[in-house]
Amino acid sequence: MEKAKILLSNPQMRIADIAAMVGYEDEKYFSKVFKKQAGCSPGQYRKALDG
């Protein structure tokens, strides 16, 4: 998940692509696991990085 957080800082990358890069074939499952660990969805995490 740490790698996913780093990759989410790049707004050009799709969340589905990031999920695949960290080993999740299913974007929805990745989002569920990410939310459990980070406390927010990948999209919300990305928005928080922007500011």
PDB file of N, CA and C in Angstrom:
ATOM      1  N   MET A   1       0.812  -1.196   0.000  1.00  0.00           N
ATOM      2  CA  MET A   1       0.000   0.000   0.000  1.00  0.00           C
ATOM      3  C   MET A   1       0.858   1.263   0.000  1.00  0.00           C
ATOM      4  N   GLU A   2       2.041   1.183   0.574  1.00  0.00           N
ATOM      5  CA  GLU A   2       2.932   2.355   0.556  1.00  0.00           C
ATOM      6  C   GLU A   2       3.281   2.726  -0.881  1.00  0.00           C
ATOM      7  N   LYS A   3       3.541   1.713  -1.710  1.00  0.00           N
ATOM      8  CA  LYS A   3       3.847   1.977  -3.119  1.00  0.00           C
ATOM      9  C   LYS A   3       2.636   2.602  -3.811  1.00  0.00           C
ATOM     10  N   ALA A   4       1.458   2.108  -3.492  1.00  0.00           N
ATOM     11  CA  ALA A   4       0.238   2.660  -4.090  1.00  0.00           C
ATOM     12  C   ALA A   4       0.079   4.129  -3.711  1.00  0.00           C
ATOM     13  N   LYS A   5       0.379   4.471  -2.470  1.00  0.00           N
ATOM     14  CA  LYS A   5       0.267   5.866  -2.023  1.00  0.00           C
ATOM     15  C   LYS A   5       1.222   6.761  -2.811  1.00  0.00           C
ATOM     16  N   ILE A   6       2.423   6.269  -3.053  1.00  0.00           N
ATOM     17  CA  ILE A   6       3.408   7.035  -3.830  1.00  0.00           C
ATOM     18  C   ILE A   6       2.897   7.218  -5.262  1.00  0.00           C
ATOM     19  N   LEU A   7       2.393   6.131  -5.857  1.00  0.00           N
ATOM     20  CA  LEU A   7       1.897   6.192  -7.235  1.00  0.00           C
ATOM     21  C   LEU A   7       0.680   7.106  -7.361  1.00  0.00           C
ATOM     22  N   LEU A   8      -0.140   7.181  -6.320  1.00  0.00           N
ATOM     23  CA  LEU A   8      -1.329   8.040  -6.359  1.00  0.00           C
ATOM     24  C   LEU A   8      -0.970   9.522  -6.416  1.00  0.00           C
ATOM     25  N   SER A   9       0.259   9.855  -6.068  1.00  0.00           N
ATOM     26  CA  SER A   9       0.670  11.263  -6.131  1.00  0.00           C
ATOM     27  C   SER A   9       0.827  11.739  -7.570  1.00  0.00           C
ATOM     28  N   ASN A  10       0.841  10.794  -8.522  1.00  0.00           N
ATOM     29  CA  ASN A  10       0.920  11.147  -9.939  1.00  0.00           C
ATOM     30  C   ASN A  10      -0.503  11.205 -10.517  1.00  0.00           C
ATOM     31  N   PRO A  11      -1.024  12.409 -10.772  1.00  0.00           N
ATOM     32  CA  PRO A  11      -2.414  12.513 -11.251  1.00  0.00           C
ATOM     33  C   PRO A  11      -2.642  11.959 -12.656  1.00  0.00           C
ATOM     34  N   GLN A  12      -1.579  11.716 -13.421  1.00  0.00           N
ATOM     35  CA  GLN A  12      -1.735  11.165 -14.767  1.00  0.00           C
ATOM     36  C   GLN A  12      -2.052   9.667 -14.748  1.00  0.00           C
ATOM     37  N   MET A  13      -1.757   9.006 -13.649  1.00  0.00           N
ATOM     38  CA  MET A  13      -1.965   7.551 -13.575  1.00  0.00           C
ATOM     39  C   MET A  13      -3.389   7.228 -13.147  1.00  0.00           C
ATOM     40  N   ARG A  14      -3.992   6.272 -13.851  1.00  0.00           N
ATOM     41  CA  ARG A  14      -5.336   5.822 -13.491  1.00  0.00           C
ATOM     42  C   ARG A  14      -5.256   4.919 -12.264  1.00  0.00           C
ATOM     43  N   ILE A  15      -6.275   4.970 -11.435  1.00  0.00           N
ATOM     44  CA  ILE A  15      -6.309   4.135 -10.225  1.00  0.00           C
ATOM     45  C   ILE A  15      -6.282   2.652 -10.596  1.00  0.00           C
ATOM     46  N   ALA A  16      -6.951   2.291 -11.696  1.00  0.00           N
ATOM     47  CA  ALA A  16      -6.944   0.894 -12.155  1.00  0.00           C
ATOM     48  C   ALA A  16      -5.523   0.447 -12.493  1.00  0.00           C
ATOM     49  N   ASP A  17      -4.730   1.332 -13.114  1.00  0.00           N
ATOM     50  CA  ASP A  17      -3.344   1.003 -13.457  1.00  0.00           C
ATOM     51  C   ASP A  17      -2.492   0.849 -12.202  1.00  0.00           C
ATOM     52  N   ILE A  18      -2.713   1.726 -11.236  1.00  0.00           N
ATOM     53  CA  ILE A  18      -1.972   1.653  -9.970  1.00  0.00           C
ATOM     54  C   ILE A  18      -2.308   0.342  -9.262  1.00  0.00           C
ATOM     55  N   ALA A  19      -3.576  -0.023  -9.245  1.00  0.00           N
ATOM     56  CA  ALA A  19      -4.001  -1.280  -8.620  1.00  0.00           C
ATOM     57  C   ALA A  19      -3.247  -2.456  -9.238  1.00  0.00           C
ATOM     58  N   ALA A  20      -3.178  -2.482 -10.571  1.00  0.00           N
ATOM     59  CA  ALA A  20      -2.475  -3.563 -11.264  1.00  0.00           C
ATOM     60  C   ALA A  20      -0.983  -3.561 -10.925  1.00  0.00           C
ATOM     61  N   MET A  21      -0.388  -2.369 -10.825  1.00  0.00           N
ATOM     62  CA  MET A  21       1.052  -2.263 -10.544  1.00  0.00           C
ATOM     63  C   MET A  21       1.421  -2.793  -9.158  1.00  0.00           C
ATOM     64  N   VAL A  22       0.481  -2.697  -8.220  1.00  0.00           N
ATOM     65  CA  VAL A  22       0.771  -3.197  -6.869  1.00  0.00           C
ATOM     66  C   VAL A  22       0.175  -4.583  -6.627  1.00  0.00           C
ATOM     67  N   GLY A  23      -0.305  -5.218  -7.715  1.00  0.00           N
ATOM     68  CA  GLY A  23      -0.688  -6.623  -7.616  1.00  0.00           C
ATOM     69  C   GLY A  23      -2.163  -6.934  -7.475  1.00  0.00           C
ATOM     70  N   TYR A  24      -3.029  -5.952  -7.716  1.00  0.00           N
ATOM     71  CA  TYR A  24      -4.470  -6.189  -7.633  1.00  0.00           C
ATOM     72  C   TYR A  24      -5.066  -6.140  -9.033  1.00  0.00           C
ATOM     73  N   GLU A  25      -5.642  -7.255  -9.462  1.00  0.00           N
ATOM     74  CA  GLU A  25      -6.276  -7.303 -10.777  1.00  0.00           C
ATOM     75  C   GLU A  25      -7.596  -6.539 -10.769  1.00  0.00           C
ATOM     76  N   ASP A  26      -8.277  -6.557  -9.633  1.00  0.00           N
ATOM     77  CA  ASP A  26      -9.612  -5.968  -9.505  1.00  0.00           C
ATOM     78  C   ASP A  26      -9.512  -4.599  -8.828  1.00  0.00           C
ATOM     79  N   GLU A  27      -9.834  -3.552  -9.581  1.00  0.00           N
ATOM     80  CA  GLU A  27      -9.743  -2.183  -9.053  1.00  0.00           C
ATOM     81  C   GLU A  27     -10.659  -1.975  -7.844  1.00  0.00           C
ATOM     82  N   LYS A  28     -11.853  -2.575  -7.891  1.00  0.00           N
ATOM     83  CA  LYS A  28     -12.785  -2.421  -6.775  1.00  0.00           C
ATOM     84  C   LYS A  28     -12.239  -3.062  -5.499  1.00  0.00           C
ATOM     85  N   TYR A  29     -11.635  -4.229  -5.637  1.00  0.00           N
ATOM     86  CA  TYR A  29     -11.055  -4.892  -4.464  1.00  0.00           C
ATOM     87  C   TYR A  29      -9.871  -4.084  -3.926  1.00  0.00           C
ATOM     88  N   PHE A  30      -9.044  -3.568  -4.823  1.00  0.00           N
ATOM     89  CA  PHE A  30      -7.923  -2.710  -4.418  1.00  0.00           C
ATOM     90  C   PHE A  30      -8.443  -1.517  -3.613  1.00  0.00           C
ATOM     91  N   SER A  31      -9.498  -0.879  -4.116  1.00  0.00           N
ATOM     92  CA  SER A  31     -10.063   0.287  -3.428  1.00  0.00           C
ATOM     93  C   SER A  31     -10.563  -0.080  -2.037  1.00  0.00           C
ATOM     94  N   LYS A  32     -11.170  -1.255  -1.925  1.00  0.00           N
ATOM     95  CA  LYS A  32     -11.688  -1.724  -0.637  1.00  0.00           C
ATOM     96  C   LYS A  32     -10.541  -1.939   0.360  1.00  0.00           C
ATOM     97  N   VAL A  33      -9.488  -2.605  -0.092  1.00  0.00           N
ATOM     98  CA  VAL A  33      -8.329  -2.875   0.773  1.00  0.00           C
ATOM     99  C   VAL A  33      -7.618  -1.568   1.126  1.00  0.00           C
ATOM    100  N   PHE A  34      -7.474  -0.683   0.147  1.00  0.00           N
ATOM    101  CA  PHE A  34      -6.825   0.610   0.375  1.00  0.00           C
ATOM    102  C   PHE A  34      -7.589   1.401   1.430  1.00  0.00           C
ATOM    103  N   LYS A  35      -8.921   1.433   1.292  1.00  0.00           N
ATOM    104  CA  LYS A  35      -9.758   2.196   2.230  1.00  0.00           C
ATOM    105  C   LYS A  35      -9.635   1.647   3.646  1.00  0.00           C
ATOM    106  N   LYS A  36      -9.544   0.328   3.760  1.00  0.00           N
ATOM    107  CA  LYS A  36      -9.409  -0.307   5.074  1.00  0.00           C
ATOM    108  C   LYS A  36      -8.087   0.109   5.740  1.00  0.00           C
ATOM    109  N   GLN A  37      -7.026   0.176   4.953  1.00  0.00           N
ATOM    110  CA  GLN A  37      -5.701   0.481   5.495  1.00  0.00           C
ATOM    111  C   GLN A  37      -5.448   1.978   5.655  1.00  0.00           C
ATOM    112  N   ALA A  38      -5.888   2.775   4.678  1.00  0.00           N
ATOM    113  CA  ALA A  38      -5.568   4.208   4.685  1.00  0.00           C
ATOM    114  C   ALA A  38      -6.668   5.061   5.322  1.00  0.00           C
ATOM    115  N   GLY A  39      -7.863   4.488   5.446  1.00  0.00           N
ATOM    116  CA  GLY A  39      -8.963   5.241   6.047  1.00  0.00           C
ATOM    117  C   GLY A  39      -9.761   6.072   5.050  1.00  0.00           C
ATOM    118  N   CYS A  40      -9.371   6.027   3.780  1.00  0.00           N
ATOM    119  CA  CYS A  40     -10.111   6.732   2.730  1.00  0.00           C
ATOM    120  C   CYS A  40      -9.872   6.013   1.413  1.00  0.00           C
ATOM    121  N   SER A  41     -10.707   6.315   0.433  1.00  0.00           N
ATOM    122  CA  SER A  41     -10.566   5.669  -0.874  1.00  0.00           C
ATOM    123  C   SER A  41      -9.335   6.216  -1.599  1.00  0.00           C
ATOM    124  N   PRO A  42      -8.835   5.503  -2.609  1.00  0.00           N
ATOM    125  CA  PRO A  42      -7.698   6.021  -3.374  1.00  0.00           C
ATOM    126  C   PRO A  42      -7.987   7.402  -3.976  1.00  0.00           C
ATOM    127  N   GLY A  43      -9.198   7.613  -4.458  1.00  0.00           N
ATOM    128  CA  GLY A  43      -9.558   8.915  -5.033  1.00  0.00           C
ATOM    129  C   GLY A  43      -9.533  10.026  -3.990  1.00  0.00           C
ATOM    130  N   GLN A  44     -10.052   9.727  -2.808  1.00  0.00           N
ATOM    131  CA  GLN A  44     -10.045  10.720  -1.714  1.00  0.00           C
ATOM    132  C   GLN A  44      -8.611  11.002  -1.271  1.00  0.00           C
ATOM    133  N   TYR A  45      -7.797   9.960  -1.229  1.00  0.00           N
ATOM    134  CA  TYR A  45      -6.390  10.114  -0.847  1.00  0.00           C
ATOM    135  C   TYR A  45      -5.682  11.041  -1.845  1.00  0.00           C
ATOM    136  N   ARG A  46      -5.941  10.811  -3.112  1.00  0.00           N
ATOM    137  CA  ARG A  46      -5.329  11.628  -4.179  1.00  0.00           C
ATOM    138  C   ARG A  46      -5.755  13.090  -4.055  1.00  0.00           C
ATOM    139  N   LYS A  47      -7.051  13.316  -3.794  1.00  0.00           N
ATOM    140  CA  LYS A  47      -7.557  14.697  -3.621  1.00  0.00           C
ATOM    141  C   LYS A  47      -6.889  15.371  -2.430  1.00  0.00           C
ATOM    142  N   ALA A  48      -6.707  14.623  -1.347  1.00  0.00           N
ATOM    143  CA  ALA A  48      -6.070  15.180  -0.144  1.00  0.00           C
ATOM    144  C   ALA A  48      -4.629  15.585  -0.424  1.00  0.00           C
ATOM    145  N   LEU A  49      -3.952  14.840  -1.307  1.00  0.00           N
ATOM    146  CA  LEU A  49      -2.569  15.180  -1.677  1.00  0.00           C
ATOM    147  C   LEU A  49      -2.526  16.497  -2.439  1.00  0.00           C
ATOM    148  N   ASP A  50      -3.524  16.727  -3.279  1.00  0.00           N
ATOM    149  CA  ASP A  50      -3.582  17.958  -4.064  1.00  0.00           C
ATOM    150  C   ASP A  50      -3.818  19.174  -3.182  1.00  0.00           C
ATOM    151  N   GLY A  51      -4.571  18.938  -2.123  1.00  0.00           N
ATOM    152  CA  GLY A  51      -4.713  19.972  -1.313  1.00  0.00           C
ATOM    153  C   GLY A  51      -5.563  20.824  -0.670  1.00  0.00           C
TER     154      GLY A  51
END
